[in-house]
Amino acid sequence: MKKILAACVIIFSAFINADNPLKNTKWTGEGGLVVFFTASDSVKLLADDQLITTAQYKVKDSLLIWRDITVSNATCDTSIRGTYIYRIKEDVLTFRIVSDRCEDRANIIQTLVLLKK
């Protein structure tokens, strides 16, 4: 009975993550950048093991909606959302802008090439 229950939990978890393949994943980029999509709805950007910023994200189909939640020199106004098409191919994550009024963020995100950690 315990084995059946454990198998059901694993299968159920797989279906939950199918809606959000970024959930609870870490990616690395140039210059030691680490992008961590948490198990909740936040994404943390780190460089040299130091937190740069935190944002809120949502995934729907192949769209990623991003909103900065930490106020700093490295973030946009926290009320501005950006929408991107994300693509995962062979453990490489890339983004293409759909819309974002924050040009600085858009320029950075759309040039990211991240490798799954």
N, C-alpha and C. Protein backbone atom coordinates (compact mmCIF):
# COMPACT_ATOMS: atom_id res chain seq x y z
N MET A 1 0.82 -1.20 0.00
CA MET A 1 0.00 0.00 0.00
C MET A 1 0.87 1.27 0.00
N LYS A 2 1.96 1.26 0.80
CA LYS A 2 2.84 2.42 0.86
C LYS A 2 3.51 2.66 -0.48
N LYS A 3 3.86 1.58 -1.20
CA LYS A 3 4.50 1.74 -2.50
C LYS A 3 3.54 2.34 -3.51
N ILE A 4 2.29 1.94 -3.45
CA ILE A 4 1.28 2.48 -4.37
C ILE A 4 1.07 3.96 -4.08
N LEU A 5 0.98 4.31 -2.80
CA LEU A 5 0.80 5.70 -2.42
C LEU A 5 1.99 6.55 -2.88
N ALA A 6 3.20 6.05 -2.69
CA ALA A 6 4.40 6.77 -3.12
C ALA A 6 4.41 6.95 -4.63
N ALA A 7 4.03 5.94 -5.38
CA ALA A 7 3.98 6.03 -6.84
C ALA A 7 2.95 7.06 -7.27
N CYS A 8 1.81 7.11 -6.60
CA CYS A 8 0.76 8.09 -6.93
C CYS A 8 1.26 9.52 -6.68
N VAL A 9 1.98 9.72 -5.58
CA VAL A 9 2.53 11.05 -5.28
C VAL A 9 3.52 11.48 -6.36
N ILE A 10 4.38 10.57 -6.79
CA ILE A 10 5.36 10.88 -7.84
C ILE A 10 4.67 11.23 -9.15
N ILE A 11 3.69 10.47 -9.53
CA ILE A 11 2.95 10.74 -10.78
C ILE A 11 2.20 12.06 -10.68
N PHE A 12 1.55 12.32 -9.55
CA PHE A 12 0.83 13.57 -9.35
C PHE A 12 1.78 14.76 -9.43
N SER A 13 2.95 14.65 -8.80
CA SER A 13 3.95 15.72 -8.84
C SER A 13 4.41 15.99 -10.26
N ALA A 14 4.57 14.96 -11.05
CA ALA A 14 5.00 15.13 -12.44
C ALA A 14 3.96 15.93 -13.22
N PHE A 15 2.67 15.67 -12.97
CA PHE A 15 1.63 16.42 -13.67
C PHE A 15 1.58 17.87 -13.22
N ILE A 16 1.83 18.13 -11.94
CA ILE A 16 1.85 19.50 -11.45
C ILE A 16 2.99 20.27 -12.10
N ASN A 17 4.18 19.70 -12.15
CA ASN A 17 5.33 20.38 -12.75
C ASN A 17 5.22 20.49 -14.26
N ALA A 18 4.37 19.67 -14.90
CA ALA A 18 4.20 19.76 -16.34
C ALA A 18 3.63 21.12 -16.74
N ASP A 19 2.83 21.72 -15.85
CA ASP A 19 2.28 23.05 -16.12
C ASP A 19 3.34 24.14 -16.00
N ASN A 20 4.38 23.88 -15.22
CA ASN A 20 5.43 24.85 -15.00
C ASN A 20 6.79 24.14 -14.96
N PRO A 21 7.41 23.94 -16.10
CA PRO A 21 8.69 23.24 -16.13
C PRO A 21 9.85 24.04 -15.52
N LEU A 22 9.63 25.31 -15.20
CA LEU A 22 10.67 26.11 -14.56
C LEU A 22 10.67 25.95 -13.04
N LYS A 23 9.55 25.50 -12.51
CA LYS A 23 9.38 25.40 -11.06
C LYS A 23 10.49 24.58 -10.42
N ASN A 24 11.12 25.19 -9.40
CA ASN A 24 12.16 24.55 -8.60
C ASN A 24 13.36 24.11 -9.45
N THR A 25 13.79 24.97 -10.38
CA THR A 25 14.97 24.68 -11.20
C THR A 25 16.00 25.79 -11.05
N LYS A 26 17.26 25.42 -11.25
CA LYS A 26 18.36 26.40 -11.22
C LYS A 26 19.05 26.39 -12.57
N TRP A 27 19.46 27.59 -13.00
CA TRP A 27 20.10 27.79 -14.29
C TRP A 27 21.31 28.68 -14.08
N THR A 28 22.34 28.47 -14.88
CA THR A 28 23.54 29.30 -14.79
C THR A 28 23.75 30.05 -16.10
N GLY A 29 24.33 31.23 -15.96
CA GLY A 29 24.62 32.05 -17.13
C GLY A 29 26.03 32.61 -17.04
N GLU A 30 26.34 33.52 -17.93
CA GLU A 30 27.67 34.13 -17.97
C GLU A 30 27.96 34.89 -16.69
N GLY A 31 29.24 34.94 -16.36
CA GLY A 31 29.67 35.72 -15.21
C GLY A 31 29.24 35.17 -13.86
N GLY A 32 28.94 33.88 -13.79
CA GLY A 32 28.54 33.28 -12.52
C GLY A 32 27.11 33.55 -12.12
N LEU A 33 26.29 34.03 -13.05
CA LEU A 33 24.88 34.29 -12.76
C LEU A 33 24.16 32.97 -12.50
N VAL A 34 23.35 32.95 -11.45
CA VAL A 34 22.49 31.81 -11.14
C VAL A 34 21.06 32.32 -11.07
N VAL A 35 20.17 31.68 -11.80
CA VAL A 35 18.75 32.02 -11.79
C VAL A 35 18.01 30.83 -11.20
N PHE A 36 17.34 31.07 -10.07
CA PHE A 36 16.65 30.01 -9.35
C PHE A 36 15.16 30.29 -9.33
N PHE A 37 14.41 29.48 -10.07
CA PHE A 37 12.95 29.54 -10.05
C PHE A 37 12.50 28.67 -8.88
N THR A 38 11.99 29.28 -7.84
CA THR A 38 11.67 28.55 -6.62
C THR A 38 10.43 27.67 -6.79
N ALA A 39 10.15 26.89 -5.75
CA ALA A 39 8.97 26.03 -5.76
C ALA A 39 7.69 26.85 -5.66
N SER A 40 7.81 28.09 -5.19
CA SER A 40 6.63 28.96 -5.16
C SER A 40 6.61 29.78 -6.45
N ASP A 41 6.29 31.05 -6.38
CA ASP A 41 6.19 31.87 -7.60
C ASP A 41 7.28 32.92 -7.69
N SER A 42 8.41 32.71 -7.02
CA SER A 42 9.47 33.71 -7.09
C SER A 42 10.69 33.16 -7.84
N VAL A 43 11.46 34.09 -8.35
CA VAL A 43 12.70 33.75 -9.04
C VAL A 43 13.78 34.62 -8.42
N LYS A 44 14.91 34.00 -8.09
CA LYS A 44 16.01 34.71 -7.46
C LYS A 44 17.20 34.74 -8.41
N LEU A 45 17.80 35.91 -8.55
CA LEU A 45 19.01 36.06 -9.36
C LEU A 45 20.17 36.29 -8.42
N LEU A 46 21.20 35.46 -8.58
CA LEU A 46 22.38 35.54 -7.73
C LEU A 46 23.63 35.66 -8.58
N ALA A 47 24.62 36.36 -8.05
CA ALA A 47 25.93 36.44 -8.67
C ALA A 47 26.95 36.31 -7.56
N ASP A 48 27.92 35.43 -7.74
CA ASP A 48 28.92 35.16 -6.72
C ASP A 48 28.27 34.83 -5.38
N ASP A 49 27.22 34.03 -5.42
CA ASP A 49 26.46 33.60 -4.24
C ASP A 49 25.81 34.75 -3.47
N GLN A 50 25.68 35.90 -4.10
CA GLN A 50 25.01 37.05 -3.48
C GLN A 50 23.71 37.33 -4.22
N LEU A 51 22.64 37.54 -3.47
CA LEU A 51 21.35 37.83 -4.07
C LEU A 51 21.38 39.21 -4.73
N ILE A 52 21.06 39.24 -6.02
CA ILE A 52 21.00 40.51 -6.76
C ILE A 52 19.59 41.07 -6.68
N THR A 53 18.61 40.22 -6.98
CA THR A 53 17.22 40.65 -6.97
C THR A 53 16.29 39.45 -6.89
N THR A 54 15.06 39.74 -6.55
CA THR A 54 14.01 38.73 -6.50
C THR A 54 12.84 39.25 -7.32
N ALA A 55 12.22 38.35 -8.06
CA ALA A 55 11.07 38.73 -8.87
C ALA A 55 9.97 37.68 -8.69
N GLN A 56 8.78 38.05 -9.09
CA GLN A 56 7.67 37.12 -9.11
C GLN A 56 7.48 36.68 -10.55
N TYR A 57 7.18 35.40 -10.75
CA TYR A 57 6.96 34.93 -12.10
C TYR A 57 5.75 34.01 -12.16
N LYS A 58 5.16 33.97 -13.33
CA LYS A 58 4.06 33.05 -13.61
C LYS A 58 4.30 32.46 -14.98
N VAL A 59 3.93 31.20 -15.13
CA VAL A 59 4.09 30.51 -16.40
C VAL A 59 2.72 30.06 -16.88
N LYS A 60 2.46 30.32 -18.15
CA LYS A 60 1.25 29.81 -18.80
C LYS A 60 1.64 29.41 -20.21
N ASP A 61 1.50 28.13 -20.49
CA ASP A 61 1.94 27.58 -21.77
C ASP A 61 3.42 27.92 -21.95
N SER A 62 3.77 28.64 -23.00
CA SER A 62 5.17 28.99 -23.22
C SER A 62 5.47 30.44 -22.85
N LEU A 63 4.55 31.07 -22.12
CA LEU A 63 4.74 32.45 -21.70
C LEU A 63 5.22 32.53 -20.26
N LEU A 64 6.12 33.47 -20.02
CA LEU A 64 6.61 33.77 -18.69
C LEU A 64 6.28 35.22 -18.41
N ILE A 65 5.59 35.47 -17.30
CA ILE A 65 5.28 36.83 -16.88
C ILE A 65 6.16 37.15 -15.69
N TRP A 66 6.90 38.25 -15.76
CA TRP A 66 7.93 38.60 -14.78
C TRP A 66 7.60 39.95 -14.17
N ARG A 67 7.70 40.05 -12.84
CA ARG A 67 7.51 41.33 -12.16
C ARG A 67 8.51 41.41 -11.02
N ASP A 68 9.35 42.43 -11.04
CA ASP A 68 10.34 42.61 -9.97
C ASP A 68 9.60 42.87 -8.66
N ILE A 69 10.09 42.25 -7.58
CA ILE A 69 9.48 42.51 -6.26
C ILE A 69 10.49 43.10 -5.28
N THR A 70 11.77 43.03 -5.60
CA THR A 70 12.79 43.66 -4.77
C THR A 70 13.15 44.99 -5.41
N VAL A 71 13.15 46.04 -4.63
CA VAL A 71 13.52 47.36 -5.14
C VAL A 71 15.02 47.55 -4.96
N SER A 72 15.71 47.78 -6.07
CA SER A 72 17.15 48.02 -6.02
C SER A 72 17.57 48.72 -7.31
N ASN A 73 18.87 48.99 -7.44
CA ASN A 73 19.39 49.59 -8.67
C ASN A 73 19.29 48.64 -9.85
N ALA A 74 19.12 47.34 -9.56
CA ALA A 74 19.09 46.33 -10.62
C ALA A 74 17.66 45.94 -11.02
N THR A 75 16.67 46.69 -10.56
CA THR A 75 15.28 46.30 -10.85
C THR A 75 14.50 47.44 -11.47
N CYS A 76 13.34 47.07 -11.98
CA CYS A 76 12.41 48.03 -12.55
C CYS A 76 11.35 48.38 -11.51
N ASP A 77 10.48 49.31 -11.86
CA ASP A 77 9.33 49.62 -11.03
C ASP A 77 8.57 48.32 -10.77
N THR A 78 8.23 48.07 -9.52
CA THR A 78 7.61 46.79 -9.16
C THR A 78 6.19 46.61 -9.69
N SER A 79 5.62 47.65 -10.28
CA SER A 79 4.28 47.51 -10.86
C SER A 79 4.32 47.11 -12.34
N ILE A 80 5.51 47.13 -12.95
CA ILE A 80 5.63 46.84 -14.39
C ILE A 80 5.89 45.35 -14.60
N ARG A 81 5.03 44.75 -15.40
CA ARG A 81 5.19 43.34 -15.75
C ARG A 81 5.79 43.21 -17.15
N GLY A 82 6.61 42.20 -17.31
CA GLY A 82 7.15 41.88 -18.62
C GLY A 82 6.66 40.50 -19.03
N THR A 83 6.38 40.33 -20.29
CA THR A 83 5.92 39.04 -20.80
C THR A 83 6.92 38.55 -21.84
N TYR A 84 7.33 37.30 -21.68
CA TYR A 84 8.35 36.70 -22.54
C TYR A 84 7.91 35.30 -22.96
N ILE A 85 8.35 34.90 -24.12
CA ILE A 85 8.21 33.50 -24.53
C ILE A 85 9.50 32.83 -24.10
N TYR A 86 9.35 31.76 -23.34
CA TYR A 86 10.56 31.04 -22.93
C TYR A 86 10.64 29.73 -23.70
N ARG A 87 11.87 29.27 -23.86
CA ARG A 87 12.09 28.02 -24.59
C ARG A 87 13.18 27.22 -23.89
N ILE A 88 12.89 25.96 -23.66
CA ILE A 88 13.88 25.04 -23.09
C ILE A 88 14.18 24.00 -24.16
N LYS A 89 15.44 23.95 -24.55
CA LYS A 89 15.86 22.98 -25.55
C LYS A 89 17.20 22.41 -25.10
N GLU A 90 17.22 21.11 -24.87
CA GLU A 90 18.44 20.41 -24.46
C GLU A 90 19.11 21.11 -23.27
N ASP A 91 18.33 21.37 -22.23
CA ASP A 91 18.81 21.99 -20.99
C ASP A 91 19.36 23.40 -21.18
N VAL A 92 18.90 24.10 -22.22
CA VAL A 92 19.26 25.50 -22.44
C VAL A 92 17.96 26.32 -22.42
N LEU A 93 17.93 27.35 -21.59
CA LEU A 93 16.75 28.20 -21.44
C LEU A 93 17.03 29.56 -22.08
N THR A 94 16.13 29.98 -22.97
CA THR A 94 16.25 31.30 -23.61
C THR A 94 14.89 32.00 -23.56
N PHE A 95 14.92 33.30 -23.79
CA PHE A 95 13.71 34.12 -23.72
C PHE A 95 13.61 35.02 -24.94
N ARG A 96 12.38 35.28 -25.34
CA ARG A 96 12.10 36.24 -26.41
C ARG A 96 11.01 37.17 -25.89
N ILE A 97 11.23 38.45 -26.02
CA ILE A 97 10.29 39.43 -25.48
C ILE A 97 8.98 39.46 -26.26
N VAL A 98 7.88 39.53 -25.52
CA VAL A 98 6.57 39.79 -26.11
C VAL A 98 6.24 41.25 -25.83
N SER A 99 6.35 41.64 -24.55
CA SER A 99 6.15 43.04 -24.18
C SER A 99 6.78 43.28 -22.81
N ASP A 100 7.38 44.44 -22.66
CA ASP A 100 7.93 44.86 -21.37
C ASP A 100 8.25 46.35 -21.47
N ARG A 101 7.59 47.15 -20.65
CA ARG A 101 7.85 48.60 -20.65
C ARG A 101 9.16 48.95 -19.98
N CYS A 102 9.75 48.00 -19.28
CA CYS A 102 11.05 48.23 -18.65
C CYS A 102 12.14 47.78 -19.63
N GLU A 103 12.69 48.73 -20.36
CA GLU A 103 13.66 48.40 -21.41
C GLU A 103 14.93 47.76 -20.88
N ASP A 104 15.41 48.21 -19.72
CA ASP A 104 16.63 47.63 -19.16
C ASP A 104 16.46 46.13 -18.88
N ARG A 105 15.36 45.78 -18.25
CA ARG A 105 15.09 44.37 -17.95
C ARG A 105 14.92 43.58 -19.25
N ALA A 106 14.15 44.13 -20.17
CA ALA A 106 13.91 43.44 -21.44
C ALA A 106 15.22 43.16 -22.17
N ASN A 107 16.11 44.15 -22.20
CA ASN A 107 17.40 43.97 -22.88
C ASN A 107 18.23 42.86 -22.25
N ILE A 108 18.16 42.77 -20.93
CA ILE A 108 18.93 41.73 -20.24
C ILE A 108 18.30 40.35 -20.42
N ILE A 109 17.01 40.24 -20.14
CA ILE A 109 16.36 38.93 -20.18
C ILE A 109 16.40 38.32 -21.58
N GLN A 110 16.16 39.11 -22.60
CA GLN A 110 16.11 38.52 -23.94
C GLN A 110 17.48 38.12 -24.48
N THR A 111 18.55 38.52 -23.79
CA THR A 111 19.89 38.08 -24.22
C THR A 111 20.43 36.94 -23.36
N LEU A 112 19.69 36.54 -22.33
CA LEU A 112 20.16 35.45 -21.46
C LEU A 112 20.15 34.11 -22.19
N VAL A 113 21.21 33.38 -21.98
CA VAL A 113 21.29 31.98 -22.40
C VAL A 113 21.70 31.22 -21.14
N LEU A 114 20.76 30.47 -20.58
CA LEU A 114 20.98 29.81 -19.31
C LEU A 114 21.07 28.30 -19.48
N LEU A 115 21.99 27.70 -18.73
CA LEU A 115 22.19 26.24 -18.78
C LEU A 115 21.64 25.65 -17.49
N LYS A 116 20.93 24.54 -17.61
CA LYS A 116 20.35 23.90 -16.44
C LYS A 116 21.47 23.40 -15.53
N LYS A 117 21.32 23.69 -14.27
CA LYS A 117 22.33 23.33 -13.27
C LYS A 117 22.03 21.95 -12.70
